[in-house]
């Protein structure tokens, strides 16, 4: 039970990291100091997607699930609703490059707006 909850927590952390890398620039608009955390997160996310690296959270989650005696991701809310977002079916390298480009584009727009707003003052 505890290992299963730990695996779910890692999955949730993974999802929050993805959301932060993609949309964390919105938080930077309010709290400028977050850029020191957000920009490295964006760099890591783009690198992992572009080079098809395996995020260290993935094997950690899988190891916890296996230690908990789980065979797959079919046993609950988190597995049913969040896994398809993080691990979509049919994920190809071209799609991963598109996702990396999306992260870069979203953040260029957000940081561009932040710089424009700062210069307008």
Protein backbone atom coordinates (compact mmCIF):
# COMPACT_ATOMS: atom_id res chain seq x y z
CA UNK A 1 0.00 0.00 0.00
CA UNK A 2 2.74 2.46 0.97
CA UNK A 3 4.79 1.66 -2.15
CA UNK A 4 1.72 2.14 -4.31
CA UNK A 5 1.10 5.55 -2.74
CA UNK A 6 4.76 6.46 -3.26
CA UNK A 7 4.46 5.51 -6.95
CA UNK A 8 1.34 7.69 -7.24
CA UNK A 9 3.22 10.55 -5.56
CA UNK A 10 6.07 10.23 -8.07
CA UNK A 11 3.56 10.24 -10.92
CA UNK A 12 1.92 13.36 -9.52
CA UNK A 13 5.33 15.02 -9.09
CA UNK A 14 6.09 14.14 -12.71
CA UNK A 15 2.85 15.76 -13.88
CA UNK A 16 3.47 18.87 -11.77
CA UNK A 17 6.98 19.18 -13.19
CA UNK A 18 5.63 18.97 -16.74
CA UNK A 19 3.00 21.61 -15.96
CA UNK A 20 5.63 23.85 -14.33
CA UNK A 21 7.98 23.52 -17.32
CA UNK A 22 5.18 24.33 -19.74
CA UNK A 23 3.27 27.01 -17.83
CA UNK A 24 5.58 28.12 -15.02
CA UNK A 25 6.32 31.32 -16.91
CA UNK A 26 2.86 32.49 -15.87
CA UNK A 27 3.99 32.23 -12.24
CA UNK A 28 7.16 34.14 -13.13
CA UNK A 29 4.96 37.04 -14.24
CA UNK A 30 3.91 37.38 -10.60
CA UNK A 31 7.00 36.10 -8.76
CA UNK A 32 10.08 37.01 -10.80
CA UNK A 33 12.45 35.02 -8.58
CA UNK A 34 10.81 31.78 -9.82
CA UNK A 35 12.64 32.24 -13.12
CA UNK A 36 15.71 30.79 -11.36
CA UNK A 37 13.78 27.54 -10.91
CA UNK A 38 11.66 27.70 -14.03
CA UNK A 39 14.32 28.22 -16.69
CA UNK A 40 16.38 25.16 -15.62
CA UNK A 41 13.15 23.14 -15.56
CA UNK A 42 12.39 24.26 -19.13
CA UNK A 43 15.93 23.40 -20.22
CA UNK A 44 15.66 19.94 -18.65
CA UNK A 45 12.22 19.27 -20.17
CA UNK A 46 13.30 20.35 -23.65
CA UNK A 47 16.51 18.30 -23.42
CA UNK A 48 14.72 15.16 -22.24
CA UNK A 49 12.08 15.45 -24.97
CA UNK A 50 14.47 16.39 -27.78
CA UNK A 51 17.11 13.78 -27.05
CA UNK A 52 14.60 11.09 -26.02
CA UNK A 53 16.20 10.69 -22.63
CA UNK A 54 14.37 8.84 -19.93
CA UNK A 55 13.33 11.11 -17.09
CA UNK A 56 14.62 9.68 -13.80
CA UNK A 57 11.13 9.88 -12.34
CA UNK A 58 9.87 7.23 -14.78
CA UNK A 59 12.10 4.33 -13.65
CA UNK A 60 11.58 5.38 -10.03
CA UNK A 61 7.83 5.20 -10.44
CA UNK A 62 8.03 1.86 -12.28
CA UNK A 63 10.32 0.38 -9.63
CA UNK A 64 7.92 1.47 -6.89
CA UNK A 65 4.98 -0.03 -8.77
CA UNK A 66 6.81 -3.31 -9.29
CA UNK A 67 7.84 -3.40 -5.63
CA UNK A 68 4.18 -2.85 -4.74
CA UNK A 69 3.26 -5.87 -6.86
CA UNK A 70 1.50 -3.87 -9.56
CA UNK A 71 1.68 -5.03 -13.15
CA UNK A 72 0.43 -1.89 -14.84
CA UNK A 73 -1.35 1.41 -14.57
CA UNK A 74 -4.94 0.25 -14.40
CA UNK A 75 -5.62 0.36 -10.67
CA UNK A 76 -7.03 3.74 -9.80
CA UNK A 77 -7.81 7.37 -10.50
CA UNK A 78 -4.22 8.51 -10.94
CA UNK A 79 -3.37 5.72 -13.33
CA UNK A 80 -6.55 6.11 -15.33
CA UNK A 81 -6.59 9.90 -15.71
CA UNK A 82 -3.02 11.10 -15.40
CA UNK A 83 -0.97 8.44 -17.13
CA UNK A 84 -2.38 9.13 -20.62
CA UNK A 85 -1.30 12.76 -20.23
CA UNK A 86 2.27 11.91 -19.24
CA UNK A 87 2.66 8.75 -21.33
CA UNK A 88 0.37 9.12 -24.38
CA UNK A 89 -0.19 6.14 -26.66
CA UNK A 90 1.71 6.28 -29.93
CA UNK A 91 4.40 8.64 -28.65
CA UNK A 92 7.00 9.03 -31.41
CA UNK A 93 10.23 11.02 -31.64
CA UNK A 94 8.50 13.51 -33.94
CA UNK A 95 5.79 14.04 -31.34
CA UNK A 96 8.43 14.45 -28.63
CA UNK A 97 10.19 17.09 -30.72
CA UNK A 98 6.84 18.83 -31.19
CA UNK A 99 6.26 18.77 -27.43
CA UNK A 100 9.72 20.21 -26.85
CA UNK A 101 8.98 22.95 -29.38
CA UNK A 102 5.69 23.66 -27.63
CA UNK A 103 7.49 24.10 -24.31
CA UNK A 104 10.03 26.44 -25.91
CA UNK A 105 7.37 28.46 -27.74
CA UNK A 106 5.11 28.82 -24.70
CA UNK A 107 8.00 30.02 -22.60
CA UNK A 108 9.38 32.36 -25.24
CA UNK A 109 5.96 34.00 -25.42
CA UNK A 110 5.63 34.27 -21.64
CA UNK A 111 9.14 35.58 -21.06
CA UNK A 112 8.83 37.89 -24.06
CA UNK A 113 5.69 39.35 -22.52
CA UNK A 114 7.47 39.70 -19.18
CA UNK A 115 10.36 41.59 -20.78
CA UNK A 116 7.99 43.77 -22.81
CA UNK A 117 5.99 44.59 -19.67
CA UNK A 118 9.15 45.37 -17.72
CA UNK A 119 10.45 47.70 -20.46
CA UNK A 120 7.07 49.45 -20.74
CA UNK A 121 7.30 50.57 -17.12
